[in-house]
N, C-alpha and C. Protein backbone atom coordinates (compact mmCIF):
# COMPACT_ATOMS: atom_id res chain seq x y z
N MET A 1 83.60 -65.39 46.16
CA MET A 1 82.80 -65.28 44.97
C MET A 1 83.51 -66.00 43.83
N LEU A 2 82.73 -66.56 42.93
CA LEU A 2 83.26 -67.23 41.75
C LEU A 2 82.96 -66.37 40.53
N TYR A 3 83.96 -66.11 39.73
CA TYR A 3 83.81 -65.34 38.50
C TYR A 3 83.76 -66.31 37.33
N HIS A 4 82.79 -66.11 36.44
CA HIS A 4 82.58 -67.01 35.33
C HIS A 4 82.58 -66.19 34.03
N VAL A 5 83.50 -66.50 33.14
CA VAL A 5 83.59 -65.80 31.86
C VAL A 5 83.44 -66.83 30.75
N VAL A 6 82.52 -66.55 29.83
CA VAL A 6 82.31 -67.41 28.66
C VAL A 6 82.63 -66.57 27.43
N VAL A 7 83.47 -67.13 26.56
CA VAL A 7 83.77 -66.49 25.28
C VAL A 7 83.17 -67.39 24.22
N SER A 8 82.27 -66.83 23.42
CA SER A 8 81.54 -67.62 22.43
C SER A 8 81.86 -67.15 21.02
N PHE A 9 82.14 -68.11 20.16
CA PHE A 9 82.39 -67.81 18.74
C PHE A 9 81.28 -68.39 17.86
N GLY A 10 80.15 -68.73 18.48
CA GLY A 10 79.02 -69.27 17.74
C GLY A 10 78.45 -70.48 18.45
N LYS A 11 77.48 -71.10 17.81
CA LYS A 11 76.81 -72.25 18.40
C LYS A 11 77.80 -73.37 18.71
N GLU A 12 77.76 -73.82 19.95
CA GLU A 12 78.63 -74.90 20.45
C GLU A 12 80.12 -74.58 20.33
N LYS A 13 80.45 -73.31 20.38
CA LYS A 13 81.85 -72.88 20.36
C LYS A 13 82.09 -71.96 21.54
N ASP A 14 81.74 -72.44 22.74
CA ASP A 14 81.90 -71.67 23.97
C ASP A 14 83.15 -72.11 24.71
N TYR A 15 83.87 -71.14 25.23
CA TYR A 15 85.08 -71.40 26.01
C TYR A 15 84.85 -70.78 27.38
N GLU A 16 84.86 -71.62 28.42
CA GLU A 16 84.51 -71.17 29.77
C GLU A 16 85.74 -71.09 30.67
N TYR A 17 85.73 -70.05 31.50
CA TYR A 17 86.81 -69.82 32.46
C TYR A 17 86.18 -69.44 33.79
N LYS A 18 86.72 -69.99 34.86
CA LYS A 18 86.24 -69.68 36.20
C LYS A 18 87.41 -69.27 37.07
N PHE A 19 87.17 -68.22 37.86
CA PHE A 19 88.20 -67.69 38.74
C PHE A 19 87.61 -67.43 40.12
N SER A 20 88.39 -67.67 41.13
CA SER A 20 87.97 -67.33 42.50
C SER A 20 88.45 -65.92 42.82
N ASP A 21 87.96 -65.40 43.94
CA ASP A 21 88.42 -64.08 44.41
C ASP A 21 89.93 -64.04 44.54
N THR A 22 90.50 -65.10 45.08
CA THR A 22 91.95 -65.12 45.31
C THR A 22 92.72 -65.11 43.99
N GLU A 23 92.17 -65.73 42.95
CA GLU A 23 92.84 -65.74 41.65
C GLU A 23 92.84 -64.35 41.00
N LEU A 24 91.84 -63.54 41.33
CA LEU A 24 91.77 -62.20 40.76
C LEU A 24 92.36 -61.14 41.69
N ALA A 25 92.63 -61.51 42.92
CA ALA A 25 93.08 -60.56 43.93
C ALA A 25 94.33 -59.79 43.54
N GLY A 26 95.23 -60.38 42.81
CA GLY A 26 96.47 -59.72 42.46
C GLY A 26 96.35 -58.71 41.34
N GLY A 27 95.19 -58.64 40.69
CA GLY A 27 95.02 -57.74 39.55
C GLY A 27 94.10 -56.59 39.87
N THR A 28 94.14 -55.59 39.00
CA THR A 28 93.28 -54.41 39.16
C THR A 28 92.57 -54.12 37.83
N PRO A 29 91.47 -53.39 37.90
CA PRO A 29 90.81 -52.98 36.65
C PRO A 29 91.74 -52.16 35.75
N GLU A 30 92.58 -51.34 36.34
CA GLU A 30 93.52 -50.53 35.55
C GLU A 30 94.53 -51.42 34.81
N GLU A 31 95.03 -52.44 35.48
CA GLU A 31 95.95 -53.39 34.85
C GLU A 31 95.24 -54.08 33.68
N ALA A 32 93.99 -54.44 33.87
CA ALA A 32 93.21 -55.09 32.81
C ALA A 32 93.03 -54.15 31.63
N ARG A 33 92.73 -52.89 31.89
CA ARG A 33 92.58 -51.91 30.80
C ARG A 33 93.87 -51.73 30.02
N ARG A 34 94.99 -51.70 30.74
CA ARG A 34 96.29 -51.57 30.06
C ARG A 34 96.55 -52.78 29.16
N TRP A 35 96.21 -53.98 29.67
CA TRP A 35 96.41 -55.21 28.87
C TRP A 35 95.56 -55.13 27.60
N PHE A 36 94.29 -54.73 27.72
CA PHE A 36 93.43 -54.62 26.55
C PHE A 36 93.90 -53.52 25.60
N ASP A 37 94.42 -52.42 26.14
CA ASP A 37 94.98 -51.37 25.29
C ASP A 37 96.13 -51.91 24.45
N LYS A 38 97.02 -52.64 25.10
CA LYS A 38 98.19 -53.20 24.41
C LYS A 38 97.77 -54.23 23.36
N GLU A 39 96.88 -55.14 23.72
CA GLU A 39 96.43 -56.16 22.77
C GLU A 39 95.67 -55.52 21.60
N PHE A 40 94.85 -54.52 21.88
CA PHE A 40 94.11 -53.82 20.83
C PHE A 40 95.09 -53.24 19.81
N SER A 41 96.15 -52.65 20.31
CA SER A 41 97.17 -52.07 19.44
C SER A 41 97.99 -53.16 18.73
N ASP A 42 98.46 -54.15 19.48
CA ASP A 42 99.29 -55.22 18.90
C ASP A 42 98.55 -56.00 17.81
N LEU A 43 97.25 -56.23 18.00
CA LEU A 43 96.46 -56.98 17.03
C LEU A 43 95.95 -56.10 15.89
N GLU A 44 96.27 -54.80 15.97
CA GLU A 44 95.86 -53.83 14.95
C GLU A 44 94.35 -53.83 14.75
N CYS A 45 93.63 -53.79 15.86
CA CYS A 45 92.17 -53.76 15.82
C CYS A 45 91.69 -52.43 15.27
N GLU A 46 90.59 -52.48 14.55
CA GLU A 46 89.96 -51.28 14.00
C GLU A 46 88.85 -50.84 14.95
N PRO A 47 88.81 -49.57 15.34
CA PRO A 47 87.72 -49.09 16.19
C PRO A 47 86.37 -49.26 15.50
N THR A 48 85.36 -49.69 16.26
CA THR A 48 84.04 -49.89 15.69
C THR A 48 83.19 -48.63 15.76
N ASN A 49 83.61 -47.67 16.59
CA ASN A 49 82.86 -46.43 16.74
C ASN A 49 83.41 -45.41 15.75
N PRO A 50 82.57 -44.88 14.86
CA PRO A 50 83.06 -43.91 13.87
C PRO A 50 83.55 -42.60 14.48
N MET A 51 83.20 -42.33 15.73
CA MET A 51 83.64 -41.11 16.39
C MET A 51 85.05 -41.27 16.96
N GLY A 52 85.58 -42.48 16.92
CA GLY A 52 86.94 -42.71 17.38
C GLY A 52 87.07 -43.08 18.85
N LYS A 53 86.02 -42.90 19.65
CA LYS A 53 86.09 -43.25 21.07
C LYS A 53 85.95 -44.77 21.19
N VAL A 54 86.87 -45.39 21.91
CA VAL A 54 86.86 -46.83 22.06
C VAL A 54 86.63 -47.17 23.53
N LEU A 55 85.48 -47.75 23.82
CA LEU A 55 85.13 -48.15 25.18
C LEU A 55 85.77 -49.49 25.51
N ILE A 56 85.86 -49.81 26.79
CA ILE A 56 86.47 -51.08 27.21
C ILE A 56 85.71 -52.26 26.62
N ILE A 57 84.40 -52.16 26.50
CA ILE A 57 83.62 -53.26 25.91
C ILE A 57 84.02 -53.47 24.45
N ASP A 58 84.22 -52.38 23.72
CA ASP A 58 84.67 -52.48 22.32
C ASP A 58 86.05 -53.13 22.24
N LYS A 59 86.91 -52.77 23.17
CA LYS A 59 88.26 -53.36 23.16
C LYS A 59 88.20 -54.85 23.44
N ILE A 60 87.40 -55.25 24.41
CA ILE A 60 87.27 -56.66 24.74
C ILE A 60 86.75 -57.45 23.53
N LEU A 61 85.69 -56.95 22.91
CA LEU A 61 85.12 -57.64 21.75
C LEU A 61 86.09 -57.70 20.58
N ASN A 62 86.76 -56.60 20.30
CA ASN A 62 87.70 -56.57 19.19
C ASN A 62 88.93 -57.43 19.44
N VAL A 63 89.43 -57.42 20.66
CA VAL A 63 90.60 -58.25 20.97
C VAL A 63 90.24 -59.73 20.81
N ALA A 64 89.04 -60.11 21.24
CA ALA A 64 88.61 -61.50 21.04
C ALA A 64 88.48 -61.82 19.56
N ARG A 65 87.87 -60.91 18.81
CA ARG A 65 87.66 -61.13 17.36
C ARG A 65 89.00 -61.21 16.62
N TYR A 66 89.84 -60.21 16.81
CA TYR A 66 91.11 -60.17 16.10
C TYR A 66 92.10 -61.22 16.62
N GLY A 67 92.00 -61.55 17.90
CA GLY A 67 92.85 -62.60 18.45
C GLY A 67 92.51 -63.96 17.87
N GLY A 68 91.22 -64.16 17.61
CA GLY A 68 90.75 -65.36 16.94
C GLY A 68 90.43 -66.53 17.85
N GLU A 69 89.55 -67.35 17.35
CA GLU A 69 89.10 -68.52 18.12
C GLU A 69 90.23 -69.50 18.41
N GLN A 70 91.19 -69.60 17.52
CA GLN A 70 92.26 -70.58 17.71
C GLN A 70 92.99 -70.39 19.04
N ARG A 71 93.13 -69.18 19.48
CA ARG A 71 93.79 -68.92 20.77
C ARG A 71 93.00 -69.52 21.93
N PHE A 72 91.69 -69.58 21.79
CA PHE A 72 90.84 -70.18 22.82
C PHE A 72 90.80 -71.70 22.68
N ILE A 73 90.84 -72.19 21.46
CA ILE A 73 90.88 -73.64 21.23
C ILE A 73 92.16 -74.21 21.84
N ASP A 74 93.27 -73.52 21.61
CA ASP A 74 94.56 -73.99 22.13
C ASP A 74 94.60 -73.97 23.65
N GLY A 75 93.78 -73.08 24.27
CA GLY A 75 93.70 -73.02 25.72
C GLY A 75 94.97 -72.59 26.41
N LYS A 76 95.75 -71.82 25.75
CA LYS A 76 97.03 -71.36 26.31
C LYS A 76 96.84 -70.18 27.25
N THR A 77 97.94 -69.64 27.70
CA THR A 77 97.96 -68.54 28.66
C THR A 77 97.19 -67.32 28.17
N TRP A 78 97.31 -66.99 26.88
CA TRP A 78 96.66 -65.80 26.35
C TRP A 78 95.15 -65.84 26.60
N ALA A 79 94.51 -66.96 26.32
CA ALA A 79 93.06 -67.08 26.49
C ALA A 79 92.66 -66.92 27.96
N ALA A 80 93.42 -67.52 28.85
CA ALA A 80 93.13 -67.38 30.29
C ALA A 80 93.33 -65.95 30.74
N GLN A 81 94.37 -65.29 30.23
CA GLN A 81 94.59 -63.87 30.56
C GLN A 81 93.44 -63.03 30.05
N PHE A 82 93.00 -63.30 28.84
CA PHE A 82 91.87 -62.57 28.28
C PHE A 82 90.66 -62.67 29.21
N ALA A 83 90.32 -63.88 29.62
CA ALA A 83 89.16 -64.08 30.49
C ALA A 83 89.36 -63.41 31.85
N ARG A 84 90.53 -63.56 32.42
CA ARG A 84 90.83 -62.95 33.73
C ARG A 84 90.70 -61.43 33.67
N TYR A 85 91.30 -60.84 32.64
CA TYR A 85 91.26 -59.39 32.50
C TYR A 85 89.86 -58.89 32.14
N THR A 86 89.08 -59.72 31.46
CA THR A 86 87.69 -59.35 31.19
C THR A 86 86.92 -59.23 32.50
N ALA A 87 87.08 -60.21 33.38
CA ALA A 87 86.40 -60.18 34.69
C ALA A 87 86.86 -58.97 35.50
N LEU A 88 88.15 -58.69 35.48
CA LEU A 88 88.68 -57.55 36.23
C LEU A 88 88.20 -56.21 35.66
N ALA A 89 88.26 -56.08 34.34
CA ALA A 89 87.90 -54.81 33.70
C ALA A 89 86.43 -54.47 33.89
N LEU A 90 85.57 -55.49 33.83
CA LEU A 90 84.14 -55.25 33.91
C LEU A 90 83.59 -55.34 35.32
N GLY A 91 84.34 -55.99 36.21
CA GLY A 91 83.91 -56.08 37.61
C GLY A 91 82.62 -56.85 37.81
N ARG A 92 82.36 -57.80 36.95
CA ARG A 92 81.14 -58.61 37.03
C ARG A 92 81.51 -60.05 37.33
N ASP A 93 80.62 -60.75 38.06
CA ASP A 93 80.92 -62.14 38.39
C ASP A 93 80.54 -63.10 37.27
N SER A 94 79.72 -62.64 36.33
CA SER A 94 79.32 -63.49 35.21
C SER A 94 79.31 -62.64 33.94
N VAL A 95 80.12 -63.04 32.96
CA VAL A 95 80.23 -62.27 31.72
C VAL A 95 80.21 -63.25 30.55
N ARG A 96 79.45 -62.89 29.53
CA ARG A 96 79.45 -63.67 28.28
C ARG A 96 79.90 -62.75 27.16
N VAL A 97 81.04 -63.08 26.56
CA VAL A 97 81.58 -62.33 25.43
C VAL A 97 81.17 -63.09 24.18
N ASP A 98 80.17 -62.58 23.49
CA ASP A 98 79.65 -63.24 22.29
C ASP A 98 80.30 -62.57 21.07
N VAL A 99 81.36 -63.19 20.60
CA VAL A 99 82.13 -62.62 19.50
C VAL A 99 81.31 -62.65 18.21
N ALA A 100 80.57 -63.75 17.99
CA ALA A 100 79.78 -63.89 16.76
C ALA A 100 78.72 -62.79 16.66
N ALA A 101 78.04 -62.49 17.75
CA ALA A 101 77.00 -61.44 17.77
C ALA A 101 77.57 -60.08 18.11
N PHE A 102 78.84 -60.01 18.46
CA PHE A 102 79.56 -58.80 18.83
C PHE A 102 78.83 -58.06 19.96
N ASN A 103 78.59 -58.79 21.07
CA ASN A 103 78.02 -58.13 22.24
C ASN A 103 78.49 -58.84 23.51
N ILE A 104 78.30 -58.14 24.61
CA ILE A 104 78.67 -58.67 25.92
C ILE A 104 77.43 -58.68 26.79
N GLY A 105 77.20 -59.81 27.45
CA GLY A 105 76.07 -59.94 28.36
C GLY A 105 76.55 -60.25 29.76
N TYR A 106 75.70 -59.93 30.73
CA TYR A 106 76.06 -60.15 32.13
C TYR A 106 75.09 -61.13 32.77
């Protein structure tokens, strides 16, 4: 199976990542959640839910927002890790993280 993750910061600002089963085989959803927990904390993200409960989708969106587009423009390891862990955490073969609209589509 091929996993496809798109991170969008607006019109014509899409960053695409593709992973095979073997590229994701070494990771787990729990590892992905831990990575997002750490990044959420390190980037000092603010929870979007007033009740204080932060779902994995909220963490993914906030980490992308607070991490900033420049990390995806640079195309370094962090951006690839973000995409890889997004695929692992959500368990979907096709994910679109729309930072501008603050939503995730499958």
